[in-house]
PDB file of N, CA and C in Angstrom:
ATOM      1  N   LEU A   1       8.595 -37.758  -0.043  1.00  0.00           N
ATOM      2  CA  LEU A   1       8.502 -36.602   0.085  1.00  0.00           C
ATOM      3  C   LEU A   1       7.563 -35.756   0.765  1.00  0.00           C
ATOM      4  N   ILE A   2       7.863 -34.308   1.369  1.00  0.00           N
ATOM      5  CA  ILE A   2       6.790 -34.249   1.997  1.00  0.00           C
ATOM      6  C   ILE A   2       6.488 -32.670   1.559  1.00  0.00           C
ATOM      7  N   PRO A   3       4.809 -32.022   1.712  1.00  0.00           N
ATOM      8  CA  PRO A   3       4.683 -31.050   0.687  1.00  0.00           C
ATOM      9  C   PRO A   3       5.524 -29.968   1.982  1.00  0.00           C
ATOM     10  N   LEU A   4       5.625 -28.215   1.244  1.00  0.00           N
ATOM     11  CA  LEU A   4       6.066 -27.885   2.015  1.00  0.00           C
ATOM     12  C   LEU A   4       5.642 -27.217   2.715  1.00  0.00           C
ATOM     13  N   ASP A   5       4.478 -26.768   2.915  1.00  0.00           N
ATOM     14  CA  ASP A   5       3.681 -26.408   4.343  1.00  0.00           C
ATOM     15  C   ASP A   5       3.695 -27.307   5.296  1.00  0.00           C
ATOM     16  N   GLN A   6       3.859 -28.406   5.494  1.00  0.00           N
ATOM     17  CA  GLN A   6       3.911 -29.477   6.426  1.00  0.00           C
ATOM     18  C   GLN A   6       5.500 -29.954   6.795  1.00  0.00           C
ATOM     19  N   ALA A   7       6.856 -29.097   5.976  1.00  0.00           N
ATOM     20  CA  ALA A   7       7.912 -29.346   5.898  1.00  0.00           C
ATOM     21  C   ALA A   7       8.114 -27.711   7.228  1.00  0.00           C
ATOM     22  N   LEU A   8       7.621 -26.913   7.145  1.00  0.00           N
ATOM     23  CA  LEU A   8       8.251 -25.742   7.483  1.00  0.00           C
ATOM     24  C   LEU A   8       7.211 -25.702   8.698  1.00  0.00           C
ATOM     25  N   LYS A   9       6.648 -26.391   9.617  1.00  0.00           N
ATOM     26  CA  LYS A   9       5.657 -26.352  10.960  1.00  0.00           C
ATOM     27  C   LYS A   9       5.960 -25.685  11.711  1.00  0.00           C
ATOM     28  N   GLY A  10       7.250 -24.997  12.205  1.00  0.00           N
ATOM     29  CA  GLY A  10       7.722 -23.981  13.257  1.00  0.00           C
ATOM     30  C   GLY A  10       7.850 -22.840  12.399  1.00  0.00           C
ATOM     31  N   VAL A  11       7.035 -22.646  11.190  1.00  0.00           N
ATOM     32  CA  VAL A  11       7.108 -21.111  11.053  1.00  0.00           C
ATOM     33  C   VAL A  11       5.715 -20.274  10.552  1.00  0.00           C
ATOM     34  N   LYS A  12       5.671 -19.557  11.134  1.00  0.00           N
ATOM     35  CA  LYS A  12       4.069 -18.793  11.098  1.00  0.00           C
ATOM     36  C   LYS A  12       3.540 -18.800   9.665  1.00  0.00           C
ATOM     37  N   SER A  13       2.181 -19.316   9.526  1.00  0.00           N
ATOM     38  CA  SER A  13       1.896 -18.733   8.527  1.00  0.00           C
ATOM     39  C   SER A  13       0.245 -17.849   8.297  1.00  0.00           C
ATOM     40  N   LEU A  14       0.264 -17.393   7.384  1.00  0.00           N
ATOM     41  CA  LEU A  14      -0.679 -16.277   7.280  1.00  0.00           C
ATOM     42  C   LEU A  14      -1.443 -16.873   6.277  1.00  0.00           C
ATOM     43  N   ARG A  15      -2.724 -16.639   5.717  1.00  0.00           N
ATOM     44  CA  ARG A  15      -3.985 -17.438   4.666  1.00  0.00           C
ATOM     45  C   ARG A  15      -4.635 -16.030   4.528  1.00  0.00           C
ATOM     46  N   ILE A  16      -4.634 -16.504   2.947  1.00  0.00           N
ATOM     47  CA  ILE A  16      -4.825 -15.303   2.593  1.00  0.00           C
ATOM     48  C   ILE A  16      -6.309 -15.515   1.509  1.00  0.00           C
ATOM     49  N   LYS A  17      -7.065 -14.849   0.944  1.00  0.00           N
ATOM     50  CA  LYS A  17      -7.616 -15.155  -0.314  1.00  0.00           C
ATOM     51  C   LYS A  17      -7.849 -13.533  -1.045  1.00  0.00           C
ATOM     52  N   GLY A  18      -8.935 -14.374  -2.436  1.00  0.00           N
ATOM     53  CA  GLY A  18      -9.277 -12.640  -3.492  1.00  0.00           C
ATOM     54  C   GLY A  18      -7.762 -12.228  -4.038  1.00  0.00           C
ATOM     55  N   GLN A  19      -7.487 -10.570  -4.200  1.00  0.00           N
ATOM     56  CA  GLN A  19      -7.105 -10.045  -5.087  1.00  0.00           C
ATOM     57  C   GLN A  19      -5.315 -10.161  -3.495  1.00  0.00           C
ATOM     58  N   ASP A  20      -5.409 -10.278  -2.798  1.00  0.00           N
ATOM     59  CA  ASP A  20      -4.139 -10.256  -2.129  1.00  0.00           C
ATOM     60  C   ASP A  20      -3.512 -11.280  -2.557  1.00  0.00           C
ATOM     61  N   ALA A  21      -4.397 -13.174  -2.993  1.00  0.00           N
ATOM     62  CA  ALA A  21      -3.644 -13.999  -3.392  1.00  0.00           C
ATOM     63  C   ALA A  21      -3.022 -13.941  -5.156  1.00  0.00           C
ATOM     64  N   VAL A  22      -4.437 -12.773  -5.801  1.00  0.00           N
ATOM     65  CA  VAL A  22      -3.708 -12.532  -7.360  1.00  0.00           C
ATOM     66  C   VAL A  22      -2.456 -11.588  -7.323  1.00  0.00           C
ATOM     67  N   LEU A  23      -2.435 -10.649  -6.398  1.00  0.00           N
ATOM     68  CA  LEU A  23      -1.026  -9.904  -6.412  1.00  0.00           C
ATOM     69  C   LEU A  23       0.012 -10.933  -6.043  1.00  0.00           C
ATOM     70  N   MET A  24      -0.320 -11.794  -4.549  1.00  0.00           N
ATOM     71  CA  MET A  24       1.347 -12.454  -3.779  1.00  0.00           C
ATOM     72  C   MET A  24       1.328 -13.044  -5.186  1.00  0.00           C
ATOM     73  N   LYS A  25       0.736 -14.208  -6.083  1.00  0.00           N
ATOM     74  CA  LYS A  25       1.234 -15.032  -7.262  1.00  0.00           C
ATOM     75  C   LYS A  25       2.120 -13.803  -7.644  1.00  0.00           C
ATOM     76  N   ASN A  26       1.957 -12.545  -8.241  1.00  0.00           N
ATOM     77  CA  ASN A  26       2.917 -11.913  -8.924  1.00  0.00           C
ATOM     78  C   ASN A  26       3.960 -11.413  -8.360  1.00  0.00           C
ATOM     79  N   GLY A  27       4.426 -12.129  -7.215  1.00  0.00           N
ATOM     80  CA  GLY A  27       5.215 -11.512  -6.803  1.00  0.00           C
ATOM     81  C   GLY A  27       4.680 -10.139  -6.107  1.00  0.00           C
ATOM     82  N   GLN A  28       3.588  -9.218  -5.572  1.00  0.00           N
ATOM     83  CA  GLN A  28       3.287  -8.112  -5.065  1.00  0.00           C
ATOM     84  C   GLN A  28       2.523  -8.640  -3.758  1.00  0.00           C
ATOM     85  N   ILE A  29       2.619  -7.763  -3.096  1.00  0.00           N
ATOM     86  CA  ILE A  29       2.296  -7.665  -1.690  1.00  0.00           C
ATOM     87  C   ILE A  29       1.360  -6.478  -1.370  1.00  0.00           C
ATOM     88  N   SER A  30       0.037  -6.880  -1.235  1.00  0.00           N
ATOM     89  CA  SER A  30      -1.187  -6.100  -1.312  1.00  0.00           C
ATOM     90  C   SER A  30      -1.273  -5.241   0.194  1.00  0.00           C
ATOM     91  N   HIS A  31      -2.201  -3.908   0.221  1.00  0.00           N
ATOM     92  CA  HIS A  31      -1.659  -3.132   1.308  1.00  0.00           C
ATOM     93  C   HIS A  31      -2.357  -3.985   2.700  1.00  0.00           C
ATOM     94  N   SER A  32      -3.255  -4.325   2.369  1.00  0.00           N
ATOM     95  CA  SER A  32      -4.187  -5.176   3.412  1.00  0.00           C
ATOM     96  C   SER A  32      -3.347  -6.149   3.562  1.00  0.00           C
ATOM     97  N   LEU A  33      -2.952  -6.898   2.581  1.00  0.00           N
ATOM     98  CA  LEU A  33      -1.573  -7.969   3.289  1.00  0.00           C
ATOM     99  C   LEU A  33      -0.381  -7.759   4.373  1.00  0.00           C
ATOM    100  N   ARG A  34       0.208  -6.374   4.006  1.00  0.00           N
ATOM    101  CA  ARG A  34       1.042  -5.567   4.456  1.00  0.00           C
ATOM    102  C   ARG A  34       1.248  -5.264   6.126  1.00  0.00           C
ATOM    103  N   THR A  35      -0.796  -4.871   6.236  1.00  0.00           N
ATOM    104  CA  THR A  35      -0.935  -4.429   7.201  1.00  0.00           C
ATOM    105  C   THR A  35      -1.158  -5.673   8.188  1.00  0.00           C
ATOM    106  N   GLN A  36      -1.814  -7.025   7.971  1.00  0.00           N
ATOM    107  CA  GLN A  36      -1.610  -8.024   8.381  1.00  0.00           C
ATOM    108  C   GLN A  36      -0.295  -9.089   9.029  1.00  0.00           C
ATOM    109  N   LEU A  37       0.911  -8.543   8.090  1.00  0.00           N
ATOM    110  CA  LEU A  37       2.366  -9.036   8.125  1.00  0.00           C
ATOM    111  C   LEU A  37       2.723  -8.310   8.945  1.00  0.00           C
ATOM    112  N   ILE A  38       1.889  -6.734   9.076  1.00  0.00           N
ATOM    113  CA  ILE A  38       3.179  -6.098  10.223  1.00  0.00           C
ATOM    114  C   ILE A  38       2.345  -6.807  11.773  1.00  0.00           C
ATOM    115  N   SER A  39       1.004  -7.021  11.831  1.00  0.00           N
ATOM    116  CA  SER A  39       0.327  -7.715  12.701  1.00  0.00           C
ATOM    117  C   SER A  39       0.711  -8.881  13.156  1.00  0.00           C
ATOM    118  N   ARG A  40       1.543  -9.816  12.361  1.00  0.00           N
ATOM    119  CA  ARG A  40       2.161 -11.634  12.442  1.00  0.00           C
ATOM    120  C   ARG A  40       3.616 -11.562  12.830  1.00  0.00           C
ATOM    121  N   PHE A  41       4.177 -10.496  12.692  1.00  0.00           N
ATOM    122  CA  PHE A  41       5.340 -10.831  12.150  1.00  0.00           C
ATOM    123  C   PHE A  41       6.466  -9.827  13.267  1.00  0.00           C
ATOM    124  N   ASN A  42       7.316 -10.951  13.739  1.00  0.00           N
ATOM    125  CA  ASN A  42       7.289 -10.510  15.077  1.00  0.00           C
ATOM    126  C   ASN A  42       9.115 -10.451  14.691  1.00  0.00           C
ATOM    127  N   PRO A  43       9.658  -9.683  14.216  1.00  0.00           N
ATOM    128  CA  PRO A  43      11.343  -8.999  13.791  1.00  0.00           C
ATOM    129  C   PRO A  43      11.661 -10.118  14.583  1.00  0.00           C
ATOM    130  N   ASP A  44      11.728 -10.230  16.289  1.00  0.00           N
ATOM    131  CA  ASP A  44      12.733 -10.635  16.962  1.00  0.00           C
ATOM    132  C   ASP A  44      12.832 -12.368  16.747  1.00  0.00           C
ATOM    133  N   THR A  45      11.999 -12.743  16.434  1.00  0.00           N
ATOM    134  CA  THR A  45      12.040 -14.232  16.153  1.00  0.00           C
ATOM    135  C   THR A  45      11.955 -14.647  15.179  1.00  0.00           C
ATOM    136  N   ASP A  46      10.657 -14.360  14.170  1.00  0.00           N
ATOM    137  CA  ASP A  46      10.833 -14.268  12.782  1.00  0.00           C
ATOM    138  C   ASP A  46      11.365 -14.191  11.572  1.00  0.00           C
ATOM    139  N   GLN A  47      12.338 -15.332  11.000  1.00  0.00           N
ATOM    140  CA  GLN A  47      12.718 -15.335   9.978  1.00  0.00           C
ATOM    141  C   GLN A  47      12.050 -14.868   8.652  1.00  0.00           C
ATOM    142  N   ILE A  48      10.504 -15.732   8.377  1.00  0.00           N
ATOM    143  CA  ILE A  48      10.184 -15.685   7.377  1.00  0.00           C
ATOM    144  C   ILE A  48       8.466 -16.255   8.088  1.00  0.00           C
ATOM    145  N   ILE A  49       7.535 -15.939   6.830  1.00  0.00           N
ATOM    146  CA  ILE A  49       6.258 -16.150   7.323  1.00  0.00           C
ATOM    147  C   ILE A  49       5.895 -17.152   6.006  1.00  0.00           C
ATOM    148  N   GLN A  50       5.131 -18.081   6.298  1.00  0.00           N
ATOM    149  CA  GLN A  50       4.496 -18.230   5.063  1.00  0.00           C
ATOM    150  C   GLN A  50       3.125 -18.302   4.304  1.00  0.00           C
ATOM    151  N   ILE A  51       2.679 -17.962   3.022  1.00  0.00           N
ATOM    152  CA  ILE A  51       1.680 -17.170   2.804  1.00  0.00           C
ATOM    153  C   ILE A  51       0.679 -19.111   2.267  1.00  0.00           C
ATOM    154  N   LEU A  52      -0.381 -18.739   2.828  1.00  0.00           N
ATOM    155  CA  LEU A  52      -1.443 -20.166   2.150  1.00  0.00           C
ATOM    156  C   LEU A  52      -2.648 -18.997   1.989  1.00  0.00           C
ATOM    157  N   PRO A  53      -3.106 -19.993   0.701  1.00  0.00           N
ATOM    158  CA  PRO A  53      -4.505 -19.683   0.749  1.00  0.00           C
ATOM    159  C   PRO A  53      -4.968 -20.048   1.692  1.00  0.00           C
ATOM    160  N   GLU A  54      -6.504 -19.052   1.583  1.00  0.00           N
ATOM    161  CA  GLU A  54      -7.215 -19.203   2.434  1.00  0.00           C
ATOM    162  C   GLU A  54      -8.170 -20.620   2.654  1.00  0.00           C
ATOM    163  N   GLU A  55      -8.461 -21.158   1.185  1.00  0.00           N
ATOM    164  CA  GLU A  55      -9.212 -22.572   1.195  1.00  0.00           C
ATOM    165  C   GLU A  55      -8.054 -24.004   0.610  1.00  0.00           C
ATOM    166  N   LYS A  56      -7.896 -24.960   1.810  1.00  0.00           N
ATOM    167  CA  LYS A  56      -7.071 -25.578   1.589  1.00  0.00           C
ATOM    168  C   LYS A  56      -6.103 -25.932   0.211  1.00  0.00           C
ATOM    169  N   GLY A  57      -4.502 -25.462   0.507  1.00  0.00           N
ATOM    170  CA  GLY A  57      -3.510 -25.496  -0.806  1.00  0.00           C
ATOM    171  C   GLY A  57      -2.164 -25.847  -0.759  1.00  0.00           C
ATOM    172  N   ARG A  58      -1.928 -25.729  -1.765  1.00  0.00           N
ATOM    173  CA  ARG A  58       0.015 -25.283  -1.978  1.00  0.00           C
ATOM    174  C   ARG A  58       0.682 -24.245  -0.782  1.00  0.00           C
ATOM    175  N   LEU A  59       1.825 -24.080  -0.285  1.00  0.00           N
ATOM    176  CA  LEU A  59       1.950 -22.909  -0.395  1.00  0.00           C
ATOM    177  C   LEU A  59       2.299 -22.026  -0.982  1.00  0.00           C
ATOM    178  N   LEU A  60       2.242 -20.903  -1.334  1.00  0.00           N
ATOM    179  CA  LEU A  60       2.043 -19.710  -1.942  1.00  0.00           C
ATOM    180  C   LEU A  60       2.907 -18.880  -2.335  1.00  0.00           C
ATOM    181  N   ALA A  61       4.059 -18.815  -0.925  1.00  0.00           N
ATOM    182  CA  ALA A  61       5.076 -17.434  -0.839  1.00  0.00           C
ATOM    183  C   ALA A  61       5.622 -17.710   0.365  1.00  0.00           C
ATOM    184  N   LEU A  62       6.939 -17.352   0.740  1.00  0.00           N
ATOM    185  CA  LEU A  62       7.794 -17.253   1.772  1.00  0.00           C
ATOM    186  C   LEU A  62       8.079 -15.554   1.677  1.00  0.00           C
ATOM    187  N   VAL A  63       7.655 -15.084   2.717  1.00  0.00           N
ATOM    188  CA  VAL A  63       7.602 -13.924   2.639  1.00  0.00           C
ATOM    189  C   VAL A  63       9.056 -13.029   3.776  1.00  0.00           C
ATOM    190  N   GLY A  64       9.828 -12.601   4.087  1.00  0.00           N
ATOM    191  CA  GLY A  64      10.511 -11.889   4.877  1.00  0.00           C
ATOM    192  C   GLY A  64      10.458 -10.413   5.051  1.00  0.00           C
ATOM    193  N   LEU A  65      11.541 -10.121   6.145  1.00  0.00           N
ATOM    194  CA  LEU A  65      11.407  -8.752   6.648  1.00  0.00           C
ATOM    195  C   LEU A  65      13.234  -8.134   6.545  1.00  0.00           C
ATOM    196  N   GLU A  66      13.146  -7.532   5.214  1.00  0.00           N
ATOM    197  CA  GLU A  66      14.215  -7.224   5.576  1.00  0.00           C
ATOM    198  C   GLU A  66      14.907  -5.330   5.702  1.00  0.00           C
ATOM    199  N   LYS A  67      15.774  -5.845   7.180  1.00  0.00           N
ATOM    200  CA  LYS A  67      16.184  -4.186   7.934  1.00  0.00           C
ATOM    201  C   LYS A  67      16.383  -3.194   6.716  1.00  0.00           C
ATOM    202  N   GLY A  68      15.532  -2.232   7.204  1.00  0.00           N
ATOM    203  CA  GLY A  68      15.282  -1.020   6.568  1.00  0.00           C
ATOM    204  C   GLY A  68      14.604  -1.122   5.190  1.00  0.00           C
ATOM    205  N   GLN A  69      14.081  -2.165   5.165  1.00  0.00           N
ATOM    206  CA  GLN A  69      13.299  -2.200   3.686  1.00  0.00           C
ATOM    207  C   GLN A  69      12.381  -2.293   3.908  1.00  0.00           C
ATOM    208  N   GLY A  70      11.658  -3.658   4.587  1.00  0.00           N
ATOM    209  CA  GLY A  70      10.401  -4.086   5.058  1.00  0.00           C
ATOM    210  C   GLY A  70       9.432  -5.058   3.987  1.00  0.00           C
ATOM    211  N   PHE A  71       8.711  -6.435   4.468  1.00  0.00           N
ATOM    212  CA  PHE A  71       8.072  -7.078   3.829  1.00  0.00           C
ATOM    213  C   PHE A  71       8.935  -7.183   2.310  1.00  0.00           C
ATOM    214  N   LYS A  72      10.066  -8.692   2.199  1.00  0.00           N
ATOM    215  CA  LYS A  72       9.552  -8.683   0.616  1.00  0.00           C
ATOM    216  C   LYS A  72       9.930  -9.972   1.407  1.00  0.00           C
ATOM    217  N   ILE A  73       9.364 -10.532  -0.571  1.00  0.00           N
ATOM    218  CA  ILE A  73       8.522 -11.648  -0.584  1.00  0.00           C
ATOM    219  C   ILE A  73      10.344 -12.574  -1.480  1.00  0.00           C
ATOM    220  N   LYS A  74      10.598 -13.893  -0.504  1.00  0.00           N
ATOM    221  CA  LYS A  74      11.301 -14.615  -0.687  1.00  0.00           C
ATOM    222  C   LYS A  74      11.906 -15.600  -2.108  1.00  0.00           C
ATOM    223  N   ARG A  75      10.487 -16.063  -1.966  1.00  0.00           N
ATOM    224  CA  ARG A  75       9.901 -16.717  -2.969  1.00  0.00           C
ATOM    225  C   ARG A  75       8.461 -17.586  -3.223  1.00  0.00           C
ATOM    226  N   VAL A  76       7.993 -16.788  -4.838  1.00  0.00           N
ATOM    227  CA  VAL A  76       7.053 -17.545  -4.915  1.00  0.00           C
ATOM    228  C   VAL A  76       6.836 -18.583  -5.621  1.00  0.00           C
ATOM    229  N   PHE A  77       6.194 -19.751  -5.046  1.00  0.00           N
ATOM    230  CA  PHE A  77       5.403 -20.852  -5.180  1.00  0.00           C
ATOM    231  C   PHE A  77       4.817 -21.128  -6.499  1.00  0.00           C
ATOM    232  N   ASN A  78       4.836 -21.632  -8.344  1.00  0.00           N
ATOM    233  CA  ASN A  78       3.354 -21.432  -9.142  1.00  0.00           C
ATOM    234  C   ASN A  78       3.865 -22.675  -9.061  1.00  0.00           C
ATOM    235  N   TYR A  79       2.471 -23.615  -8.953  1.00  0.00           N
ATOM    236  CA  TYR A  79       2.880 -25.112  -8.782  1.00  0.00           C
ATOM    237  C   TYR A  79       2.302 -25.860 -10.177  1.00  0.00           C
TER     238      TYR A  79
END
């Protein structure tokens, strides 16, 4: 078995910390994280983006863009 963050090598990742990480663990996307997602996510080529802690650690969540609804958390991982 391999860790999820290594299994998804072809998927863009975004590292977060502080309040952004706390909110993500509770299933919420902060305003500052939403701004970062807008700048990193390409709706033509990306289906999801992986959210990782700033320091080394396990995958926190997968976020995708739903047409007409904006960014939605697809899955939060609580280890």
